C-alpha atoms as a PDB file:
ATOM      1  CA  MET A   1     102.636  52.030  92.896  1.00  0.00           C
ATOM      2  CA  LYS A   2     101.241  54.008  95.087  1.00  0.00           C
ATOM      3  CA  SER A   3     104.198  54.151  97.800  1.00  0.00           C
ATOM      4  CA  GLU A   4     106.146  54.997  94.706  1.00  0.00           C
ATOM      5  CA  ILE A   5     104.125  58.141  93.605  1.00  0.00           C
ATOM      6  CA  GLN A   6     104.303  58.976  97.102  1.00  0.00           C
ATOM      7  CA  ASN A   7     107.962  59.055  97.160  1.00  0.00           C
ATOM      8  CA  LYS A   8     108.517  60.797  93.992  1.00  0.00           C
ATOM      9  CA  ILE A   9     106.124  63.599  95.092  1.00  0.00           C
ATOM     10  CA  GLN A  10     108.516  63.716  98.672  1.00  0.00           C
ATOM     11  CA  GLN A  11     111.362  64.106  96.773  1.00  0.00           C
ATOM     12  CA  ASP A  12     109.584  66.621  94.598  1.00  0.00           C
ATOM     13  CA  TYR A  13     109.252  68.634  97.640  1.00  0.00           C
ATOM     14  CA  PHE A  14     112.786  67.741  99.194  1.00  0.00           C
ATOM     15  CA  LEU A  15     114.314  69.044  95.737  1.00  0.00           C
ATOM     16  CA  ALA A  16     112.253  72.772  96.342  1.00  0.00           C
ATOM     17  CA  MET A  17     113.078  72.898  99.609  1.00  0.00           C
ATOM     18  CA  GLU A  18     116.964  72.050  99.379  1.00  0.00           C
ATOM     19  CA  ALA A  19     116.700  74.485  96.255  1.00  0.00           C
ATOM     20  CA  SER A  20     115.639  77.060  98.340  1.00  0.00           C
ATOM     21  CA  VAL A  21     118.485  77.202 100.701  1.00  0.00           C
ATOM     22  CA  LYS A  22     120.904  76.874  98.536  1.00  0.00           C
ATOM     23  CA  ALA A  23     119.435  80.283  96.222  1.00  0.00           C
ATOM     24  CA  GLY A  24     119.295  81.732  99.523  1.00  0.00           C
ATOM     25  CA  LEU A  25     122.831  81.213 100.140  1.00  0.00           C
ATOM     26  CA  GLU A  26     123.922  82.603  96.589  1.00  0.00           C
ATOM     27  CA  ILE A  27     121.603  85.684  97.777  1.00  0.00           C
ATOM     28  CA  MET A  28     123.449  86.454 100.817  1.00  0.00           C
ATOM     29  CA  LYS A  29     127.117  86.020  98.884  1.00  0.00           C
ATOM     30  CA  VAL A  30     125.379  89.285  96.210  1.00  0.00           C
ATOM     31  CA  TYR A  31     123.611  90.789 100.265  1.00  0.00           C
ATOM     32  CA  GLU A  32     126.903  91.525 101.178  1.00  0.00           C
ATOM     33  CA  LYS A  33     128.660  93.163  98.412  1.00  0.00           C
ATOM     34  CA  GLU A  34     128.071  96.765  97.601  1.00  0.00           C
ATOM     35  CA  ASP A  35     127.263  96.286  93.874  1.00  0.00           C
ATOM     36  CA  PHE A  36     123.802  94.821  93.628  1.00  0.00           C
ATOM     37  CA  GLN A  37     123.831  95.161  90.082  1.00  0.00           C
ATOM     38  CA  VAL A  38     120.401  96.622  90.135  1.00  0.00           C
ATOM     39  CA  GLU A  39     118.510  97.152  86.906  1.00  0.00           C
ATOM     40  CA  LEU A  40     115.203  98.431  85.867  1.00  0.00           C
ATOM     41  CA  LYS A  41     112.873  96.153  83.986  1.00  0.00           C
ATOM     42  CA  ASP A  42     109.912  97.070  81.884  1.00  0.00           C
ATOM     43  CA  ASP A  43     107.307  97.227  84.597  1.00  0.00           C
ATOM     44  CA  ASP A  44     110.276  99.595  86.437  1.00  0.00           C
ATOM     45  CA  SER A  45     110.642  97.227  89.462  1.00  0.00           C
ATOM     46  CA  PRO A  46     113.788  96.483  90.373  1.00  0.00           C
ATOM     47  CA  VAL A  47     116.073  93.207  89.528  1.00  0.00           C
ATOM     48  CA  THR A  48     119.705  92.435  90.946  1.00  0.00           C
ATOM     49  CA  LEU A  49     122.069  89.875  90.891  1.00  0.00           C
ATOM     50  CA  ALA A  50     121.257  88.287  93.409  1.00  0.00           C
ATOM     51  CA  ASP A  51     117.512  87.707  91.995  1.00  0.00           C
ATOM     52  CA  LYS A  52     118.966  86.195  88.361  1.00  0.00           C
ATOM     53  CA  SER A  53     121.859  83.694  90.710  1.00  0.00           C
ATOM     54  CA  ALA A  54     119.046  82.487  92.384  1.00  0.00           C
ATOM     55  CA  ASN A  55     117.412  81.601  89.485  1.00  0.00           C
ATOM     56  CA  ILE A  56     119.632  79.598  87.765  1.00  0.00           C
ATOM     57  CA  ILE A  57     120.183  77.496  90.902  1.00  0.00           C
ATOM     58  CA  ILE A  58     116.357  76.865  91.819  1.00  0.00           C
ATOM     59  CA  MET A  59     115.996  75.958  87.354  1.00  0.00           C
ATOM     60  CA  ASP A  60     118.543  73.682  87.968  1.00  0.00           C
ATOM     61  CA  PHE A  61     116.650  71.928  90.927  1.00  0.00           C
ATOM     62  CA  LEU A  62     113.755  71.611  89.778  1.00  0.00           C
ATOM     63  CA  LYS A  63     114.385  70.578  86.222  1.00  0.00           C
ATOM     64  CA  ALA A  64     115.373  67.216  87.555  1.00  0.00           C
ATOM     65  CA  THR A  65     111.435  66.699  88.653  1.00  0.00           C
ATOM     66  CA  GLY A  66     109.910  67.002  84.986  1.00  0.00           C
ATOM     67  CA  ILE A  67     107.446  69.227  85.710  1.00  0.00           C
ATOM     68  CA  PRO A  68     107.245  73.007  83.897  1.00  0.00           C
ATOM     69  CA  ILE A  69     108.185  76.172  85.648  1.00  0.00           C
ATOM     70  CA  ILE A  70     106.962  79.494  85.490  1.00  0.00           C
ATOM     71  CA  SER A  71     109.639  81.972  87.471  1.00  0.00           C
ATOM     72  CA  GLU A  72     109.250  85.997  87.777  1.00  0.00           C
ATOM     73  CA  GLU A  73     112.791  85.720  85.880  1.00  0.00           C
ATOM     74  CA  ASN A  74     112.397  83.830  83.568  1.00  0.00           C
ATOM     75  CA  GLU A  75     110.616  84.222  79.693  1.00  0.00           C
ATOM     76  CA  GLU A  76     107.212  84.593  80.159  1.00  0.00           C
ATOM     77  CA  ILE A  77     105.507  81.387  79.037  1.00  0.00           C
ATOM     78  CA  PRO A  78     102.333  81.645  76.369  1.00  0.00           C
ATOM     79  CA  PHE A  79      98.877  80.357  78.006  1.00  0.00           C
ATOM     80  CA  SER A  80      98.619  78.464  74.671  1.00  0.00           C
ATOM     81  CA  LYS A  81     100.759  76.206  76.334  1.00  0.00           C
ATOM     82  CA  ARG A  82     100.769  76.414  79.874  1.00  0.00           C
ATOM     83  CA  GLU A  83      97.438  75.610  79.298  1.00  0.00           C
ATOM     84  CA  LYS A  84      97.958  72.216  79.216  1.00  0.00           C
ATOM     85  CA  TRP A  85      99.718  71.861  82.298  1.00  0.00           C
ATOM     86  CA  ASN A  86      97.941  70.112  84.908  1.00  0.00           C
ATOM     87  CA  LYS A  87     100.814  70.737  87.464  1.00  0.00           C
ATOM     88  CA  CYS A  88     103.509  72.961  87.434  1.00  0.00           C
ATOM     89  CA  TRP A  89     105.517  74.840  89.792  1.00  0.00           C
ATOM     90  CA  ILE A  90     105.395  79.035  90.616  1.00  0.00           C
ATOM     91  CA  VAL A  91     109.522  80.163  91.878  1.00  0.00           C
ATOM     92  CA  ASP A  92     109.943  83.537  92.619  1.00  0.00           C
ATOM     93  CA  PRO A  93     113.566  83.307  93.278  1.00  0.00           C
ATOM     94  CA  LEU A  94     113.861  86.569  95.050  1.00  0.00           C
ATOM     95  CA  ASP A  95     110.621  88.352  96.754  1.00  0.00           C
ATOM     96  CA  GLY A  96     111.400  91.425  98.150  1.00  0.00           C
ATOM     97  CA  THR A  97     113.468  93.427  95.918  1.00  0.00           C
ATOM     98  CA  LYS A  98     113.082  96.630  97.093  1.00  0.00           C
ATOM     99  CA  GLU A  99     113.604  95.265 100.574  1.00  0.00           C
ATOM    100  CA  PHE A 100     116.388  93.529  99.108  1.00  0.00           C
ATOM    101  CA  ILE A 101     117.785  96.793  97.726  1.00  0.00           C
ATOM    102  CA  LYS A 102     117.278  98.599 101.177  1.00  0.00           C
ATOM    103  CA  LYS A 103     119.024  96.069 103.157  1.00  0.00           C
ATOM    104  CA  SER A 104     115.918  95.763 105.433  1.00  0.00           C
ATOM    105  CA  GLY A 105     116.478  91.852 105.367  1.00  0.00           C
ATOM    106  CA  GLU A 106     113.039  90.986 104.711  1.00  0.00           C
ATOM    107  CA  PHE A 107     112.991  88.990 101.499  1.00  0.00           C
ATOM    108  CA  THR A 108     112.522  85.523 100.773  1.00  0.00           C
ATOM    109  CA  VAL A 109     112.271  82.595  97.977  1.00  0.00           C
ATOM    110  CA  ASN A 110     109.349  81.639  96.630  1.00  0.00           C
ATOM    111  CA  ILE A 111     108.356  77.237  95.374  1.00  0.00           C
ATOM    112  CA  ALA A 112     105.363  76.550  94.949  1.00  0.00           C
ATOM    113  CA  LEU A 113     103.811  73.032  93.607  1.00  0.00           C
ATOM    114  CA  ILE A 114     100.434  74.321  91.666  1.00  0.00           C
ATOM    115  CA  GLU A 115      97.946  71.305  90.771  1.00  0.00           C
ATOM    116  CA  ASN A 116      94.942  71.712  88.761  1.00  0.00           C
ATOM    117  CA  ASN A 117      95.177  75.625  89.020  1.00  0.00           C
ATOM    118  CA  LYS A 118      95.684  75.486  92.803  1.00  0.00           C
ATOM    119  CA  PRO A 119      98.972  75.288  95.424  1.00  0.00           C
ATOM    120  CA  VAL A 120      99.430  72.189  96.907  1.00  0.00           C
ATOM    121  CA  PHE A 121     102.818  72.969  97.981  1.00  0.00           C
ATOM    122  CA  GLY A 122     104.738  75.860  99.324  1.00  0.00           C
ATOM    123  CA  VAL A 123     108.429  76.697 100.846  1.00  0.00           C
ATOM    124  CA  ILE A 124     109.412  79.962 101.338  1.00  0.00           C
ATOM    125  CA  TYR A 125     113.119  80.680 102.804  1.00  0.00           C
ATOM    126  CA  ILE A 126     114.174  83.756 105.024  1.00  0.00           C
ATOM    127  CA  PRO A 127     117.711  84.363 103.608  1.00  0.00           C
ATOM    128  CA  VAL A 128     118.747  86.553 106.549  1.00  0.00           C
ATOM    129  CA  SER A 129     117.379  84.181 109.880  1.00  0.00           C
ATOM    130  CA  LYS A 130     117.930  81.136 107.898  1.00  0.00           C
ATOM    131  CA  GLU A 131     113.965  80.128 108.541  1.00  0.00           C
ATOM    132  CA  LEU A 132     112.589  77.867 106.434  1.00  0.00           C
ATOM    133  CA  TYR A 133     108.763  77.296 106.138  1.00  0.00           C
ATOM    134  CA  TYR A 134     106.615  74.629 104.203  1.00  0.00           C
ATOM    135  CA  GLY A 135     103.590  73.733 103.636  1.00  0.00           C
ATOM    136  CA  ASP A 136     101.588  70.460 102.218  1.00  0.00           C
ATOM    137  CA  VAL A 137      97.914  71.266 101.597  1.00  0.00           C
ATOM    138  CA  LYS A 138      96.974  67.367 101.251  1.00  0.00           C
ATOM    139  CA  THR A 139      98.381  66.565 104.837  1.00  0.00           C
ATOM    140  CA  GLY A 140      97.152  69.989 106.204  1.00  0.00           C
ATOM    141  CA  ARG A 141     100.214  70.763 107.550  1.00  0.00           C
ATOM    142  CA  SER A 142     102.709  73.263 107.717  1.00  0.00           C
ATOM    143  CA  PHE A 143     106.221  73.693 109.550  1.00  0.00           C
ATOM    144  CA  LYS A 144     109.141  75.661 110.316  1.00  0.00           C
ATOM    145  CA  VAL A 145     113.263  75.250 110.951  1.00  0.00           C
ATOM    146  CA  VAL A 146     115.903  77.485 111.244  1.00  0.00           C
ATOM    147  CA  VAL A 147     118.377  75.503 108.902  1.00  0.00           C
ATOM    148  CA  ASP A 148     122.127  75.368 109.320  1.00  0.00           C
ATOM    149  CA  ALA A 149     124.860  77.233 107.197  1.00  0.00           C
ATOM    150  CA  GLU A 150     125.415  73.427 105.614  1.00  0.00           C
ATOM    151  CA  GLY A 151     122.164  72.865 104.596  1.00  0.00           C
ATOM    152  CA  GLN A 152     121.480  69.375 106.315  1.00  0.00           C
ATOM    153  CA  PHE A 153     118.233  68.848 104.568  1.00  0.00           C
ATOM    154  CA  GLU A 154     118.066  65.219 105.988  1.00  0.00           C
ATOM    155  CA  GLU A 155     117.395  66.005 109.459  1.00  0.00           C
ATOM    156  CA  LEU A 156     114.356  69.064 108.500  1.00  0.00           C
ATOM    157  CA  ILE A 157     111.577  67.052 109.087  1.00  0.00           C
ATOM    158  CA  THR A 158     112.766  65.307 112.720  1.00  0.00           C
ATOM    159  CA  ASN A 159     113.565  69.158 113.351  1.00  0.00           C
ATOM    160  CA  ALA A 160     110.623  71.138 112.050  1.00  0.00           C
ATOM    161  CA  THR A 161     108.181  72.524 114.615  1.00  0.00           C
ATOM    162  CA  GLU A 162     104.635  72.403 113.221  1.00  0.00           C
ATOM    163  CA  ILE A 163     102.843  75.598 113.064  1.00  0.00           C
ATOM    164  CA  PHE A 164      99.487  76.694 113.945  1.00  0.00           C
ATOM    165  CA  PRO A 165      97.352  80.169 113.350  1.00  0.00           C
ATOM    166  CA  GLY A 166      97.008  81.763 115.932  1.00  0.00           C
ATOM    167  CA  ARG A 167      93.276  82.966 118.295  1.00  0.00           C
ATOM    168  CA  ILE A 168      92.553  86.436 118.620  1.00  0.00           C
ATOM    169  CA  GLU A 169      92.079  88.015 121.322  1.00  0.00           C
ATOM    170  CA  GLU A 170      92.032  92.323 122.776  1.00  0.00           C
ATOM    171  CA  THR A 171      93.823  93.136 119.210  1.00  0.00           C
ATOM    172  CA  ILE A 172      93.556  92.591 115.430  1.00  0.00           C
ATOM    173  CA  LYS A 173      96.831  91.960 114.459  1.00  0.00           C
ATOM    174  CA  VAL A 174      96.883  93.123 110.374  1.00  0.00           C
ATOM    175  CA  ALA A 175      99.917  92.236 108.609  1.00  0.00           C
ATOM    176  CA  GLY A 176     100.641  95.646 106.274  1.00  0.00           C
ATOM    177  CA  SER A 177     103.298  95.675 103.227  1.00  0.00           C
ATOM    178  CA  ARG A 178     106.556  97.734 104.112  1.00  0.00           C
ATOM    179  CA  SER A 179     106.528  99.198 100.496  1.00  0.00           C
ATOM    180  CA  HIS A 180     102.756  99.317  99.596  1.00  0.00           C
ATOM    181  CA  ILE A 181     100.164 100.849 101.273  1.00  0.00           C
ATOM    182  CA  ASN A 182      97.390 102.863  99.871  1.00  0.00           C
ATOM    183  CA  LYS A 183      93.743 104.516 100.718  1.00  0.00           C
ATOM    184  CA  GLU A 184      91.940 101.166  99.791  1.00  0.00           C
ATOM    185  CA  THR A 185      93.948  99.531 102.461  1.00  0.00           C
ATOM    186  CA  LEU A 186      94.091 102.341 105.333  1.00  0.00           C
ATOM    187  CA  GLY A 187      89.608 101.512 104.557  1.00  0.00           C
ATOM    188  CA  PHE A 188      89.942  97.854 105.146  1.00  0.00           C
ATOM    189  CA  ILE A 189      91.733  98.484 108.376  1.00  0.00           C
ATOM    190  CA  ASN A 190      89.269 101.133 109.203  1.00  0.00           C
ATOM    191  CA  ALA A 191      86.323  98.628 108.784  1.00  0.00           C
ATOM    192  CA  LEU A 192      87.742  96.343 110.460  1.00  0.00           C
ATOM    193  CA  LYS A 193      87.809  98.267 113.773  1.00  0.00           C
ATOM    194  CA  GLU A 194      84.137  99.038 113.635  1.00  0.00           C
ATOM    195  CA  LYS A 195      83.401  95.521 112.990  1.00  0.00           C
ATOM    196  CA  TYR A 196      85.136  94.282 115.822  1.00  0.00           C
ATOM    197  CA  ASP A 197      85.513  96.734 118.010  1.00  0.00           C
ATOM    198  CA  LEU A 198      88.741  95.798 118.992  1.00  0.00           C
ATOM    199  CA  ASP A 199      92.064  97.446 118.672  1.00  0.00           C
ATOM    200  CA  ILE A 200      93.641  97.024 115.903  1.00  0.00           C
ATOM    201  CA  ASP A 201      97.666  96.602 115.319  1.00  0.00           C
ATOM    202  CA  VAL A 202      98.894  97.592 112.164  1.00  0.00           C
ATOM    203  CA  ILE A 203     102.434  95.611 111.575  1.00  0.00           C
ATOM    204  CA  PRO A 204     104.411  96.451 108.652  1.00  0.00           C
ATOM    205  CA  LYS A 205     106.329  93.568 106.708  1.00  0.00           C
ATOM    206  CA  GLY A 206     107.991  92.993 103.416  1.00  0.00           C
ATOM    207  CA  SER A 207     107.898  90.212 100.966  1.00  0.00           C
ATOM    208  CA  SER A 208     105.887  86.942 101.696  1.00  0.00           C
ATOM    209  CA  LEU A 209     106.730  86.490 104.957  1.00  0.00           C
ATOM    210  CA  LYS A 210     103.288  88.263 105.661  1.00  0.00           C
ATOM    211  CA  PHE A 211     101.657  84.626 105.175  1.00  0.00           C
ATOM    212  CA  CYS A 212     104.462  82.710 107.310  1.00  0.00           C
ATOM    213  CA  LEU A 213     103.141  85.549 109.937  1.00  0.00           C
ATOM    214  CA  MET A 214      99.244  84.573 109.488  1.00  0.00           C
ATOM    215  CA  ALA A 215     100.582  80.543 109.004  1.00  0.00           C
ATOM    216  CA  GLU A 216     102.248  80.622 112.518  1.00  0.00           C
ATOM    217  CA  GLY A 217      99.694  83.030 114.578  1.00  0.00           C
ATOM    218  CA  ARG A 218     101.616  86.085 114.379  1.00  0.00           C
ATOM    219  CA  MET A 219      99.383  88.126 112.600  1.00  0.00           C
ATOM    220  CA  ASP A 220      94.875  87.770 112.396  1.00  0.00           C
ATOM    221  CA  VAL A 221      94.686  89.602 108.595  1.00  0.00           C
ATOM    222  CA  TYR A 222      96.752  90.238 105.596  1.00  0.00           C
ATOM    223  CA  PRO A 223      94.695  92.427 103.389  1.00  0.00           C
ATOM    224  CA  ARG A 224      96.327  93.122 100.220  1.00  0.00           C
ATOM    225  CA  LEU A 225      94.746  95.323  98.392  1.00  0.00           C
ATOM    226  CA  GLY A 226      96.418  96.156  95.041  1.00  0.00           C
ATOM    227  CA  PRO A 227      98.396  94.188  92.256  1.00  0.00           C
ATOM    228  CA  THR A 228     100.859  91.211  92.830  1.00  0.00           C
ATOM    229  CA  MET A 229     101.552  88.139  90.497  1.00  0.00           C
ATOM    230  CA  GLU A 230     101.007  84.780  91.028  1.00  0.00           C
ATOM    231  CA  TRP A 231     105.356  83.944  91.876  1.00  0.00           C
ATOM    232  CA  ASP A 232     104.287  86.720  95.093  1.00  0.00           C
ATOM    233  CA  THR A 233     101.684  84.709  96.664  1.00  0.00           C
ATOM    234  CA  ALA A 234     101.745  80.722  95.404  1.00  0.00           C
ATOM    235  CA  ALA A 235     104.485  79.935  98.160  1.00  0.00           C
ATOM    236  CA  GLY A 236     102.381  81.812 101.270  1.00  0.00           C
ATOM    237  CA  HIS A 237      99.293  80.551  99.827  1.00  0.00           C
ATOM    238  CA  ALA A 238      99.937  76.593 100.250  1.00  0.00           C
ATOM    239  CA  ILE A 239     101.996  77.505 103.694  1.00  0.00           C
ATOM    240  CA  CYS A 240      98.407  79.086 104.802  1.00  0.00           C
ATOM    241  CA  LYS A 241      95.967  76.873 103.286  1.00  0.00           C
ATOM    242  CA  ALA A 242      98.041  73.924 104.690  1.00  0.00           C
ATOM    243  CA  VAL A 243      97.001  75.193 108.164  1.00  0.00           C
ATOM    244  CA  GLY A 244      93.406  75.754 107.250  1.00  0.00           C
ATOM    245  CA  LEU A 245      93.503  79.778 105.776  1.00  0.00           C
ATOM    246  CA  THR A 246      92.120  80.813 102.635  1.00  0.00           C
ATOM    247  CA  VAL A 247      93.744  83.054 100.366  1.00  0.00           C
ATOM    248  CA  MET A 248      90.530  84.744  98.984  1.00  0.00           C
ATOM    249  CA  ASP A 249      90.138  86.670  96.074  1.00  0.00           C
ATOM    250  CA  LYS A 250      88.211  90.152  96.308  1.00  0.00           C
ATOM    251  CA  GLU A 251      87.243  90.016  92.530  1.00  0.00           C
ATOM    252  CA  THR A 252      86.079  86.880  92.075  1.00  0.00           C
ATOM    253  CA  GLY A 253      84.888  85.882  95.878  1.00  0.00           C
ATOM    254  CA  GLN A 254      86.308  82.539  95.529  1.00  0.00           C
ATOM    255  CA  GLU A 255      90.030  81.191  96.579  1.00  0.00           C
ATOM    256  CA  MET A 256      92.704  82.578  94.606  1.00  0.00           C
ATOM    257  CA  VAL A 257      93.647  79.720  91.354  1.00  0.00           C
ATOM    258  CA  TYR A 258      96.815  79.715  89.848  1.00  0.00           C
ATOM    259  CA  ASN A 259      98.950  79.549  86.186  1.00  0.00           C
ATOM    260  CA  ARG A 260      95.919  81.760  84.609  1.00  0.00           C
ATOM    261  CA  LYS A 261      95.749  83.022  81.584  1.00  0.00           C
ATOM    262  CA  ASN A 262      96.907  86.265  83.284  1.00  0.00           C
ATOM    263  CA  LEU A 263      99.644  85.889  85.899  1.00  0.00           C
ATOM    264  CA  LEU A 264      98.333  88.886  87.600  1.00  0.00           C
ATOM    265  CA  ASN A 265      97.209  88.845  90.715  1.00  0.00           C
ATOM    266  CA  ASN A 266      93.462  90.718  92.061  1.00  0.00           C
ATOM    267  CA  SER A 267      93.212  92.284  95.500  1.00  0.00           C
ATOM    268  CA  PHE A 268      93.140  89.210  98.183  1.00  0.00           C
ATOM    269  CA  VAL A 269      92.988  88.692 101.886  1.00  0.00           C
ATOM    270  CA  VAL A 270      93.794  86.175 104.081  1.00  0.00           C
ATOM    271  CA  SER A 271      92.253  86.570 107.147  1.00  0.00           C
ATOM    272  CA  ASN A 272      91.654  84.268 111.001  1.00  0.00           C
ATOM    273  CA  LEU A 273      89.157  86.045 111.419  1.00  0.00           C
ATOM    274  CA  GLY A 274      86.152  83.575 110.558  1.00  0.00           C
END
């Protein structure tokens, strides 16, 4: 029975990886067009044909797992129903829509599995570079692989490279938001410089790429002192957590949790400073 459960879990993870890549291929089809069919949601955030098309593909893949899904592009499910879930997927079919519209290339597909309000597995796919990051919290390992155009998923595990956080030397590398920098973040960066007496290099990046760069040691600190949603962070949280990094909720002082009544995140910090 135990091996059957483990096989089911691996199949679910595999489906999530495949879903992210297939969604990424669809996103790139739209990316290469002149008309993204940009619309504004009620909160004035943009949504494109790519967001919607990617969501359809991911939903089609994940429904086979039998696990309920929270997605940015789905109708919001009442908490009275969600609070009964001990497991769910959290999906952002296109994280970094503003970067997509700008054609910066810094946008991703995010898929995370949550158990008892905590991330246990995460996938982030970068359609432009075809880089796939994934992390399994239970095994404590995260990986990176470049996926070929046809998506040979059977080879993903054997070809993937394990990733690890880096060591801080003379400069603290801070992951900055490409679209969301504010005075609180600038204050946080200045406080880092005073505390550690080291040079600070702020490197702006879009979308959940910042989590990936933290997990593979290319960044040392990622402060997000402003609003995000659960689907913006869940997959990156899992990838970082699998390599020993904590996504710390600034309001509660505890690790971020998911499938909350309010899907809006508090400010948080991911750090390798110890």
